[in-house]
């Protein structure tokens, strides 16, 4: 089954560290993504830079609750997040979110989601097409929510979010963050 793809790019009038803080803090997504009712961090493997999040969402067209568990692999030096559904509604659901520093306290969020449903081929094609608008809407809500929260100064300090995830400065250095980047993010150097 061919994967459906949804892409979106949005520019943010806020520094990269604010956007990074909000992107990492998936437990806040219900604050600004209307279809997401709840998120729960199930586990976090700091050494391998992966965590598993359970999303409970509403599918508005059919007014149904869906639960999806997504493994997120992150690279904070590159400000990239790659995700894939490990348990849930889709046959395949994967993609990425990349953050870019545009300078002068501006940044950008580039996202791509690829998905398909398994099962009967004809039924999967119909469901995939009908779902595209929902996937696009969710992607927009997450990006616009992060943009809005960052521009309004409602991002927690990046150090606070990293502490919640038990990510230490030593781990960040091992991941390739430079002394300049650590300083920019407000993280005490090791």
N, C-alpha and C. Protein backbone atom coordinates (compact mmCIF):
# COMPACT_ATOMS: atom_id res chain seq x y z
N UNK A 1 0.85 -1.19 0.00
CA UNK A 1 0.00 0.00 0.00
C UNK A 1 0.89 1.24 0.00
N UNK A 2 0.63 2.13 -0.93
CA UNK A 2 1.38 3.38 -1.03
C UNK A 2 1.04 4.28 0.15
N UNK A 3 2.06 4.91 0.70
CA UNK A 3 1.85 5.81 1.83
C UNK A 3 1.32 7.15 1.35
N UNK A 4 0.35 7.68 2.06
CA UNK A 4 -0.12 9.04 1.85
C UNK A 4 0.86 9.97 2.57
N UNK A 5 1.08 11.15 2.03
CA UNK A 5 2.05 12.07 2.64
C UNK A 5 1.44 13.45 2.82
N UNK A 6 1.67 14.02 3.98
CA UNK A 6 1.24 15.38 4.28
C UNK A 6 2.49 16.13 4.75
N UNK A 7 2.75 17.30 4.16
CA UNK A 7 3.91 18.11 4.53
C UNK A 7 3.45 19.53 4.87
N UNK A 8 4.21 20.17 5.74
CA UNK A 8 3.89 21.56 6.07
C UNK A 8 5.12 22.23 6.66
N UNK A 9 5.27 23.51 6.36
CA UNK A 9 6.38 24.33 6.85
C UNK A 9 5.76 25.61 7.41
N UNK A 10 6.19 26.01 8.60
CA UNK A 10 5.68 27.23 9.20
C UNK A 10 6.84 28.00 9.84
N UNK A 11 6.84 29.30 9.67
CA UNK A 11 7.86 30.15 10.29
C UNK A 11 7.31 30.72 11.59
N UNK A 12 8.22 30.88 12.57
CA UNK A 12 7.84 31.28 13.92
C UNK A 12 8.66 32.50 14.33
N UNK A 13 8.01 33.52 14.84
CA UNK A 13 8.69 34.72 15.34
C UNK A 13 9.07 34.51 16.80
N UNK A 14 9.92 33.52 17.02
CA UNK A 14 10.42 33.19 18.35
C UNK A 14 11.72 32.42 18.17
N UNK A 15 12.58 32.44 19.19
CA UNK A 15 13.85 31.75 19.06
C UNK A 15 13.70 30.23 19.01
N UNK A 16 14.68 29.60 18.43
CA UNK A 16 14.68 28.15 18.26
C UNK A 16 14.50 27.42 19.59
N UNK A 17 15.12 27.91 20.67
CA UNK A 17 15.03 27.19 21.94
C UNK A 17 13.60 27.14 22.47
N UNK A 18 12.78 28.16 22.20
CA UNK A 18 11.37 28.13 22.62
C UNK A 18 10.59 27.09 21.82
N UNK A 19 10.84 27.04 20.53
CA UNK A 19 10.17 26.06 19.67
C UNK A 19 10.62 24.65 20.04
N UNK A 20 11.89 24.49 20.32
CA UNK A 20 12.43 23.19 20.73
C UNK A 20 11.80 22.74 22.05
N UNK A 21 11.68 23.64 23.00
CA UNK A 21 11.06 23.32 24.28
C UNK A 21 9.64 22.80 24.10
N UNK A 22 8.85 23.49 23.31
CA UNK A 22 7.46 23.09 23.09
C UNK A 22 7.36 21.79 22.28
N UNK A 23 8.25 21.59 21.35
CA UNK A 23 8.24 20.36 20.55
C UNK A 23 8.58 19.16 21.42
N UNK A 24 9.55 19.31 22.29
CA UNK A 24 9.94 18.22 23.19
C UNK A 24 8.87 17.90 24.22
N UNK A 25 8.11 18.90 24.62
CA UNK A 25 7.15 18.76 25.71
C UNK A 25 5.79 18.28 25.18
N UNK A 26 5.77 17.07 24.64
CA UNK A 26 4.56 16.54 24.01
C UNK A 26 3.39 16.43 24.99
N UNK A 27 3.67 16.39 26.27
CA UNK A 27 2.59 16.32 27.24
C UNK A 27 1.74 17.59 27.26
N UNK A 28 2.24 18.67 26.64
CA UNK A 28 1.48 19.93 26.55
C UNK A 28 0.63 20.01 25.28
N UNK A 29 0.78 19.08 24.36
CA UNK A 29 0.05 19.15 23.09
C UNK A 29 -1.46 19.31 23.25
N UNK A 30 -2.10 18.68 24.24
CA UNK A 30 -3.55 18.89 24.39
C UNK A 30 -3.94 20.34 24.64
N UNK A 31 -3.01 21.19 25.09
CA UNK A 31 -3.29 22.61 25.31
C UNK A 31 -3.59 23.34 24.01
N UNK A 32 -3.02 22.86 22.90
CA UNK A 32 -3.17 23.63 21.65
C UNK A 32 -3.54 22.79 20.44
N UNK A 33 -3.72 21.50 20.59
CA UNK A 33 -4.16 20.66 19.48
C UNK A 33 -5.53 20.08 19.86
N UNK A 34 -6.62 20.68 19.35
CA UNK A 34 -7.97 20.33 19.81
C UNK A 34 -8.33 18.85 19.70
N UNK A 35 -7.78 18.14 18.73
CA UNK A 35 -8.17 16.74 18.59
C UNK A 35 -7.44 15.84 19.58
N UNK A 36 -6.36 16.33 20.19
CA UNK A 36 -5.61 15.52 21.15
C UNK A 36 -6.19 15.76 22.55
N UNK A 37 -6.78 14.71 23.11
CA UNK A 37 -7.39 14.81 24.43
C UNK A 37 -6.36 14.66 25.54
N UNK A 38 -5.38 13.76 25.33
CA UNK A 38 -4.39 13.50 26.37
C UNK A 38 -3.13 12.91 25.75
N UNK A 39 -2.02 13.14 26.42
CA UNK A 39 -0.76 12.50 26.06
C UNK A 39 -0.14 11.96 27.34
N UNK A 40 0.60 10.89 27.19
CA UNK A 40 1.26 10.30 28.35
C UNK A 40 2.62 9.78 27.91
N UNK A 41 3.66 10.20 28.61
CA UNK A 41 5.01 9.70 28.36
C UNK A 41 5.10 8.32 29.00
N UNK A 42 5.26 7.27 28.19
CA UNK A 42 5.29 5.89 28.69
C UNK A 42 6.69 5.48 29.13
N UNK A 43 7.68 5.85 28.35
CA UNK A 43 9.07 5.61 28.73
C UNK A 43 9.97 6.55 27.96
N UNK A 44 11.17 6.71 28.49
CA UNK A 44 12.16 7.57 27.85
C UNK A 44 13.53 6.92 28.03
N UNK A 45 14.18 6.62 26.93
CA UNK A 45 15.52 6.05 26.92
C UNK A 45 16.47 7.18 26.56
N UNK A 46 17.01 7.83 27.58
CA UNK A 46 17.85 9.01 27.36
C UNK A 46 19.11 8.68 26.58
N UNK A 47 19.71 7.53 26.86
CA UNK A 47 20.96 7.17 26.20
C UNK A 47 20.78 6.99 24.69
N UNK A 48 19.67 6.40 24.29
CA UNK A 48 19.40 6.17 22.87
C UNK A 48 18.53 7.25 22.24
N UNK A 49 18.20 8.28 23.03
CA UNK A 49 17.44 9.44 22.56
C UNK A 49 16.11 9.05 21.94
N UNK A 50 15.35 8.27 22.69
CA UNK A 50 14.02 7.83 22.23
C UNK A 50 13.05 7.92 23.40
N UNK A 51 11.80 8.23 23.06
CA UNK A 51 10.75 8.12 24.05
C UNK A 51 9.48 7.63 23.38
N UNK A 52 8.57 7.11 24.19
CA UNK A 52 7.30 6.59 23.68
C UNK A 52 6.18 7.41 24.31
N UNK A 53 5.34 7.97 23.45
CA UNK A 53 4.21 8.80 23.89
C UNK A 53 2.91 8.12 23.47
N UNK A 54 1.94 8.11 24.37
CA UNK A 54 0.60 7.62 24.03
C UNK A 54 -0.29 8.84 23.83
N UNK A 55 -0.88 8.93 22.64
CA UNK A 55 -1.82 10.01 22.32
C UNK A 55 -3.23 9.44 22.35
N UNK A 56 -4.12 10.12 23.03
CA UNK A 56 -5.55 9.80 22.97
C UNK A 56 -6.20 10.97 22.23
N UNK A 57 -6.80 10.67 21.09
CA UNK A 57 -7.34 11.71 20.21
C UNK A 57 -8.77 11.40 19.83
N UNK A 58 -9.45 12.45 19.36
CA UNK A 58 -10.79 12.31 18.82
C UNK A 58 -10.70 12.42 17.31
N UNK A 59 -11.34 11.49 16.63
CA UNK A 59 -11.44 11.57 15.17
C UNK A 59 -12.79 12.23 14.89
N UNK A 60 -12.78 13.54 14.52
CA UNK A 60 -14.02 14.31 14.46
C UNK A 60 -15.05 13.79 13.46
N UNK A 61 -14.63 13.31 12.32
CA UNK A 61 -15.57 12.90 11.28
C UNK A 61 -16.49 11.79 11.78
N UNK A 62 -15.92 10.85 12.54
CA UNK A 62 -16.73 9.73 13.03
C UNK A 62 -16.94 9.79 14.55
N UNK A 63 -16.47 10.89 15.18
CA UNK A 63 -16.60 11.09 16.61
C UNK A 63 -16.16 9.86 17.41
N UNK A 64 -14.97 9.37 17.08
CA UNK A 64 -14.43 8.18 17.72
C UNK A 64 -13.12 8.53 18.41
N UNK A 65 -12.86 7.89 19.53
CA UNK A 65 -11.60 8.08 20.24
C UNK A 65 -10.59 7.07 19.70
N UNK A 66 -9.39 7.55 19.43
CA UNK A 66 -8.32 6.69 18.93
C UNK A 66 -7.12 6.84 19.85
N UNK A 67 -6.43 5.73 20.07
CA UNK A 67 -5.21 5.74 20.88
C UNK A 67 -4.06 5.32 19.99
N UNK A 68 -2.99 6.09 20.05
CA UNK A 68 -1.81 5.81 19.25
C UNK A 68 -0.58 5.92 20.13
N UNK A 69 0.28 4.92 20.06
CA UNK A 69 1.56 5.00 20.76
C UNK A 69 2.63 5.25 19.71
N UNK A 70 3.40 6.31 19.91
CA UNK A 70 4.41 6.69 18.93
C UNK A 70 5.78 6.78 19.57
N UNK A 71 6.72 6.09 18.95
CA UNK A 71 8.11 6.17 19.38
C UNK A 71 8.75 7.35 18.68
N UNK A 72 9.40 8.20 19.45
CA UNK A 72 10.05 9.39 18.91
C UNK A 72 11.55 9.27 19.15
N UNK A 73 12.30 9.37 18.06
CA UNK A 73 13.76 9.40 18.16
C UNK A 73 14.18 10.83 17.88
N UNK A 74 15.00 11.39 18.76
CA UNK A 74 15.36 12.79 18.62
C UNK A 74 16.87 13.00 18.55
N UNK A 75 17.23 14.09 17.90
CA UNK A 75 18.62 14.52 17.81
C UNK A 75 18.60 16.02 18.13
N UNK A 76 18.97 16.37 19.36
CA UNK A 76 18.88 17.76 19.78
C UNK A 76 19.97 18.63 19.14
N UNK A 77 21.08 18.02 18.74
CA UNK A 77 22.13 18.79 18.04
C UNK A 77 21.63 19.24 16.67
N UNK A 78 20.85 18.40 16.01
CA UNK A 78 20.30 18.73 14.68
C UNK A 78 18.88 19.28 14.78
N UNK A 79 18.29 19.27 15.98
CA UNK A 79 16.89 19.64 16.23
C UNK A 79 15.94 18.92 15.27
N UNK A 80 16.07 17.58 15.29
CA UNK A 80 15.22 16.72 14.46
C UNK A 80 14.53 15.68 15.33
N UNK A 81 13.29 15.37 14.96
CA UNK A 81 12.49 14.37 15.64
C UNK A 81 11.90 13.45 14.58
N UNK A 82 12.13 12.15 14.70
CA UNK A 82 11.55 11.17 13.79
C UNK A 82 10.62 10.28 14.61
N UNK A 83 9.42 10.09 14.11
CA UNK A 83 8.44 9.32 14.88
C UNK A 83 7.83 8.22 14.03
N UNK A 84 7.34 7.20 14.74
CA UNK A 84 6.61 6.13 14.08
C UNK A 84 5.63 5.53 15.09
N UNK A 85 4.46 5.17 14.58
CA UNK A 85 3.46 4.54 15.44
C UNK A 85 3.87 3.10 15.70
N UNK A 86 3.89 2.70 16.96
CA UNK A 86 4.20 1.33 17.32
C UNK A 86 2.94 0.54 17.67
N UNK A 87 1.87 1.27 18.00
CA UNK A 87 0.60 0.63 18.35
C UNK A 87 -0.50 1.64 18.08
N UNK A 88 -1.53 1.22 17.34
CA UNK A 88 -2.62 2.15 17.09
C UNK A 88 -3.45 1.79 15.88
N UNK A 89 -4.06 2.81 15.31
CA UNK A 89 -5.06 2.68 14.26
C UNK A 89 -4.48 2.43 12.88
N UNK A 90 -3.32 2.99 12.61
CA UNK A 90 -2.77 2.97 11.27
C UNK A 90 -2.03 1.67 10.98
N UNK A 91 -1.94 1.32 9.69
CA UNK A 91 -1.07 0.24 9.26
C UNK A 91 0.37 0.73 9.38
N UNK A 92 0.59 1.96 8.92
CA UNK A 92 1.88 2.65 9.08
C UNK A 92 1.61 4.12 9.33
N UNK A 93 2.35 4.68 10.25
CA UNK A 93 2.26 6.11 10.56
C UNK A 93 3.64 6.53 11.01
N UNK A 94 4.26 7.43 10.25
CA UNK A 94 5.63 7.82 10.53
C UNK A 94 5.89 9.21 9.97
N UNK A 95 7.00 9.77 10.35
CA UNK A 95 7.34 11.07 9.80
C UNK A 95 8.42 11.75 10.59
N UNK A 96 8.52 13.05 10.40
CA UNK A 96 9.54 13.82 11.10
C UNK A 96 9.07 15.24 11.35
N UNK A 97 9.76 15.87 12.29
CA UNK A 97 9.62 17.29 12.56
C UNK A 97 11.04 17.82 12.68
N UNK A 98 11.39 18.80 11.85
CA UNK A 98 12.72 19.41 11.89
C UNK A 98 12.56 20.88 12.21
N UNK A 99 13.39 21.35 13.12
CA UNK A 99 13.36 22.74 13.53
C UNK A 99 14.57 23.45 12.94
N UNK A 100 14.36 24.68 12.48
CA UNK A 100 15.43 25.44 11.84
C UNK A 100 15.56 26.81 12.50
N UNK A 101 16.80 27.23 12.72
CA UNK A 101 17.09 28.56 13.24
C UNK A 101 17.20 29.51 12.05
N UNK A 102 16.34 30.52 11.98
CA UNK A 102 16.37 31.48 10.88
C UNK A 102 17.12 32.75 11.25
N UNK A 103 17.64 32.82 12.48
CA UNK A 103 18.35 34.00 12.94
C UNK A 103 17.39 35.08 13.40
N UNK A 104 17.91 36.08 14.10
CA UNK A 104 17.12 37.22 14.56
C UNK A 104 15.87 36.79 15.33
N UNK A 105 16.04 35.79 16.23
CA UNK A 105 14.92 35.28 17.04
C UNK A 105 13.76 34.76 16.20
N UNK A 106 14.07 34.15 15.08
CA UNK A 106 13.05 33.53 14.22
C UNK A 106 13.47 32.08 13.98
N UNK A 107 12.48 31.22 13.79
CA UNK A 107 12.74 29.81 13.54
C UNK A 107 11.66 29.26 12.63
N UNK A 108 11.80 27.99 12.27
CA UNK A 108 10.83 27.35 11.40
C UNK A 108 10.63 25.91 11.84
N UNK A 109 9.44 25.41 11.56
CA UNK A 109 9.10 24.01 11.82
C UNK A 109 8.75 23.39 10.47
N UNK A 110 9.46 22.34 10.12
CA UNK A 110 9.20 21.59 8.89
C UNK A 110 8.71 20.21 9.32
N UNK A 111 7.56 19.79 8.84
CA UNK A 111 7.00 18.50 9.25
C UNK A 111 6.55 17.70 8.04
N UNK A 112 6.64 16.39 8.19
CA UNK A 112 6.10 15.47 7.19
C UNK A 112 5.52 14.27 7.92
N UNK A 113 4.33 13.86 7.50
CA UNK A 113 3.68 12.68 8.04
C UNK A 113 3.35 11.77 6.87
N UNK A 114 3.73 10.48 7.00
CA UNK A 114 3.41 9.46 6.00
C UNK A 114 2.57 8.40 6.70
N UNK A 115 1.49 7.96 6.05
CA UNK A 115 0.60 7.02 6.73
C UNK A 115 -0.15 6.16 5.72
N UNK A 116 -0.63 5.03 6.21
CA UNK A 116 -1.55 4.18 5.45
C UNK A 116 -2.26 3.26 6.44
N UNK A 117 -3.40 2.79 6.02
CA UNK A 117 -4.14 1.81 6.80
C UNK A 117 -3.92 0.45 6.16
N UNK A 118 -3.94 -0.58 6.97
CA UNK A 118 -3.80 -1.94 6.45
C UNK A 118 -5.17 -2.49 6.11
N UNK A 119 -5.21 -3.79 5.82
CA UNK A 119 -6.48 -4.46 5.57
C UNK A 119 -6.89 -4.44 4.11
N UNK A 120 -8.17 -4.55 3.87
CA UNK A 120 -8.76 -4.58 2.54
C UNK A 120 -8.27 -3.39 1.71
N UNK A 121 -7.75 -3.68 0.51
CA UNK A 121 -7.12 -2.65 -0.31
C UNK A 121 -8.09 -1.52 -0.68
N UNK A 122 -9.30 -1.85 -1.13
CA UNK A 122 -10.27 -0.83 -1.52
C UNK A 122 -10.68 0.01 -0.30
N UNK A 123 -10.96 -0.68 0.79
CA UNK A 123 -11.36 0.02 2.01
C UNK A 123 -10.22 0.91 2.51
N UNK A 124 -8.99 0.40 2.46
CA UNK A 124 -7.82 1.18 2.91
C UNK A 124 -7.67 2.44 2.07
N UNK A 125 -7.89 2.34 0.74
CA UNK A 125 -7.78 3.52 -0.13
C UNK A 125 -8.81 4.57 0.24
N UNK A 126 -10.04 4.15 0.51
CA UNK A 126 -11.09 5.08 0.90
C UNK A 126 -10.78 5.75 2.24
N UNK A 127 -10.35 4.94 3.20
CA UNK A 127 -10.04 5.46 4.53
C UNK A 127 -8.84 6.40 4.46
N UNK A 128 -7.80 6.02 3.69
CA UNK A 128 -6.61 6.87 3.56
C UNK A 128 -6.99 8.24 3.02
N UNK A 129 -7.83 8.27 1.98
CA UNK A 129 -8.22 9.55 1.37
C UNK A 129 -9.03 10.39 2.36
N UNK A 130 -9.98 9.76 3.04
CA UNK A 130 -10.81 10.47 4.00
C UNK A 130 -9.99 10.98 5.19
N UNK A 131 -8.96 10.25 5.53
CA UNK A 131 -8.14 10.60 6.69
C UNK A 131 -7.17 11.73 6.40
N UNK A 132 -6.85 11.98 5.13
CA UNK A 132 -5.85 12.98 4.80
C UNK A 132 -6.19 14.34 5.41
N UNK A 133 -7.44 14.75 5.36
CA UNK A 133 -7.83 16.03 5.95
C UNK A 133 -7.63 16.06 7.45
N UNK A 134 -7.88 14.94 8.12
CA UNK A 134 -7.69 14.86 9.57
C UNK A 134 -6.21 14.95 9.91
N UNK A 135 -5.38 14.20 9.17
CA UNK A 135 -3.94 14.23 9.42
C UNK A 135 -3.40 15.63 9.16
N UNK A 136 -3.84 16.26 8.06
CA UNK A 136 -3.41 17.62 7.73
C UNK A 136 -3.83 18.58 8.85
N UNK A 137 -5.06 18.46 9.31
CA UNK A 137 -5.57 19.34 10.37
C UNK A 137 -4.77 19.16 11.66
N UNK A 138 -4.47 17.91 12.04
CA UNK A 138 -3.69 17.67 13.25
C UNK A 138 -2.29 18.26 13.13
N UNK A 139 -1.68 18.10 11.96
CA UNK A 139 -0.35 18.66 11.73
C UNK A 139 -0.38 20.18 11.85
N UNK A 140 -1.39 20.81 11.25
CA UNK A 140 -1.55 22.26 11.35
C UNK A 140 -1.75 22.70 12.79
N UNK A 141 -2.61 21.99 13.53
CA UNK A 141 -2.87 22.37 14.92
C UNK A 141 -1.61 22.29 15.77
N UNK A 142 -0.81 21.24 15.58
CA UNK A 142 0.41 21.11 16.37
C UNK A 142 1.39 22.22 16.00
N UNK A 143 1.63 22.43 14.70
CA UNK A 143 2.57 23.47 14.29
C UNK A 143 2.08 24.86 14.71
N UNK A 144 0.82 25.15 14.45
CA UNK A 144 0.29 26.48 14.80
C UNK A 144 0.24 26.67 16.31
N UNK A 145 -0.04 25.59 17.05
CA UNK A 145 -0.04 25.68 18.51
C UNK A 145 1.35 25.99 19.05
N UNK A 146 2.36 25.29 18.52
CA UNK A 146 3.73 25.56 18.93
C UNK A 146 4.10 26.99 18.56
N UNK A 147 3.75 27.41 17.34
CA UNK A 147 4.06 28.77 16.89
C UNK A 147 3.41 29.79 17.83
N UNK A 148 2.13 29.64 18.08
CA UNK A 148 1.38 30.59 18.92
C UNK A 148 1.97 30.65 20.34
N UNK A 149 2.19 29.48 20.94
CA UNK A 149 2.71 29.44 22.31
C UNK A 149 4.12 30.06 22.38
N UNK A 150 4.96 29.76 21.38
CA UNK A 150 6.33 30.30 21.36
C UNK A 150 6.30 31.82 21.17
N UNK A 151 5.47 32.29 20.24
CA UNK A 151 5.40 33.73 19.97
C UNK A 151 4.81 34.50 21.15
N UNK A 152 3.96 33.88 21.94
CA UNK A 152 3.37 34.53 23.11
C UNK A 152 4.24 34.37 24.36
N UNK A 153 5.42 33.73 24.21
CA UNK A 153 6.32 33.55 25.35
C UNK A 153 5.83 32.52 26.34
N UNK A 154 5.05 31.54 25.90
CA UNK A 154 4.47 30.55 26.80
C UNK A 154 5.20 29.22 26.80
N UNK A 155 6.43 29.22 26.26
CA UNK A 155 7.26 28.01 26.31
C UNK A 155 7.98 27.98 27.65
N UNK A 156 8.06 26.80 28.24
CA UNK A 156 8.86 26.66 29.45
C UNK A 156 10.33 26.76 29.04
N UNK A 157 11.18 27.18 29.96
CA UNK A 157 12.61 27.18 29.62
C UNK A 157 13.03 25.77 29.18
N UNK A 158 13.87 25.70 28.20
CA UNK A 158 14.31 24.41 27.67
C UNK A 158 14.92 23.55 28.78
N UNK A 159 15.64 24.18 29.71
CA UNK A 159 16.24 23.42 30.81
C UNK A 159 15.17 22.72 31.65
N UNK A 160 14.03 23.35 31.83
CA UNK A 160 12.93 22.75 32.61
C UNK A 160 12.40 21.49 31.91
N UNK A 161 12.19 21.59 30.61
CA UNK A 161 11.68 20.44 29.86
C UNK A 161 12.70 19.31 29.84
N UNK A 162 13.97 19.64 29.68
CA UNK A 162 15.02 18.61 29.69
C UNK A 162 15.10 17.94 31.05
N UNK A 163 14.90 18.70 32.13
CA UNK A 163 14.88 18.11 33.47
C UNK A 163 13.72 17.13 33.63
N UNK A 164 12.55 17.50 33.08
CA UNK A 164 11.38 16.59 33.13
C UNK A 164 11.70 15.26 32.46
N UNK A 165 12.50 15.33 31.40
CA UNK A 165 12.86 14.14 30.63
C UNK A 165 14.15 13.48 31.16
N UNK A 166 14.70 14.03 32.24
CA UNK A 166 15.93 13.52 32.84
C UNK A 166 17.11 13.51 31.86
N UNK A 167 17.19 14.52 31.02
CA UNK A 167 18.30 14.67 30.09
C UNK A 167 19.32 15.60 30.74
N UNK A 168 20.54 15.11 30.88
CA UNK A 168 21.59 15.88 31.55
C UNK A 168 22.49 16.57 30.53
N UNK A 169 23.26 17.53 31.02
CA UNK A 169 24.22 18.23 30.16
C UNK A 169 25.24 17.25 29.59
N UNK A 170 25.65 16.26 30.39
CA UNK A 170 26.59 15.25 29.90
C UNK A 170 26.02 14.49 28.70
N UNK A 171 24.75 14.14 28.77
CA UNK A 171 24.10 13.45 27.67
C UNK A 171 24.07 14.32 26.42
N UNK A 172 23.80 15.60 26.61
CA UNK A 172 23.74 16.51 25.46
C UNK A 172 25.10 16.66 24.81
N UNK A 173 26.14 16.73 25.62
CA UNK A 173 27.50 16.80 25.06
C UNK A 173 27.79 15.52 24.28
N UNK A 174 27.41 14.37 24.84
CA UNK A 174 27.62 13.09 24.15
C UNK A 174 26.83 13.03 22.84
N UNK A 175 25.72 13.75 22.76
CA UNK A 175 24.90 13.79 21.55
C UNK A 175 25.45 14.77 20.51
N UNK A 176 26.48 15.52 20.88
CA UNK A 176 27.11 16.41 19.91
C UNK A 176 26.75 17.88 20.05
N UNK A 177 26.08 18.27 21.14
CA UNK A 177 25.80 19.69 21.32
C UNK A 177 27.09 20.41 21.68
N UNK A 178 27.36 21.49 21.01
CA UNK A 178 28.57 22.27 21.25
C UNK A 178 28.41 23.14 22.49
N UNK A 179 29.52 23.65 22.98
CA UNK A 179 29.48 24.56 24.13
C UNK A 179 28.65 25.79 23.81
N UNK A 180 28.76 26.30 22.57
CA UNK A 180 27.96 27.47 22.16
C UNK A 180 26.47 27.16 22.22
N UNK A 181 26.08 25.99 21.73
CA UNK A 181 24.67 25.61 21.72
C UNK A 181 24.16 25.41 23.14
N UNK A 182 24.97 24.76 23.98
CA UNK A 182 24.57 24.58 25.39
C UNK A 182 24.34 25.94 26.04
N UNK A 183 25.26 26.88 25.80
CA UNK A 183 25.11 28.22 26.37
C UNK A 183 23.87 28.91 25.87
N UNK A 184 23.61 28.79 24.57
CA UNK A 184 22.42 29.42 23.99
C UNK A 184 21.14 28.84 24.63
N UNK A 185 21.15 27.53 24.90
CA UNK A 185 19.98 26.88 25.46
C UNK A 185 19.88 27.08 26.98
N UNK A 186 20.87 27.79 27.57
CA UNK A 186 20.83 28.05 29.00
C UNK A 186 21.22 26.86 29.85
N UNK A 187 22.01 25.96 29.30
CA UNK A 187 22.39 24.75 30.00
C UNK A 187 23.81 24.91 30.51
N UNK A 188 23.99 24.69 31.80
CA UNK A 188 25.32 24.80 32.41
C UNK A 188 26.23 23.75 31.79
N UNK A 189 27.41 24.20 31.40
CA UNK A 189 28.35 23.29 30.75
C UNK A 189 29.00 22.36 31.78
N UNK A 190 29.36 21.18 31.28
CA UNK A 190 29.95 20.15 32.15
C UNK A 190 31.45 20.34 32.28
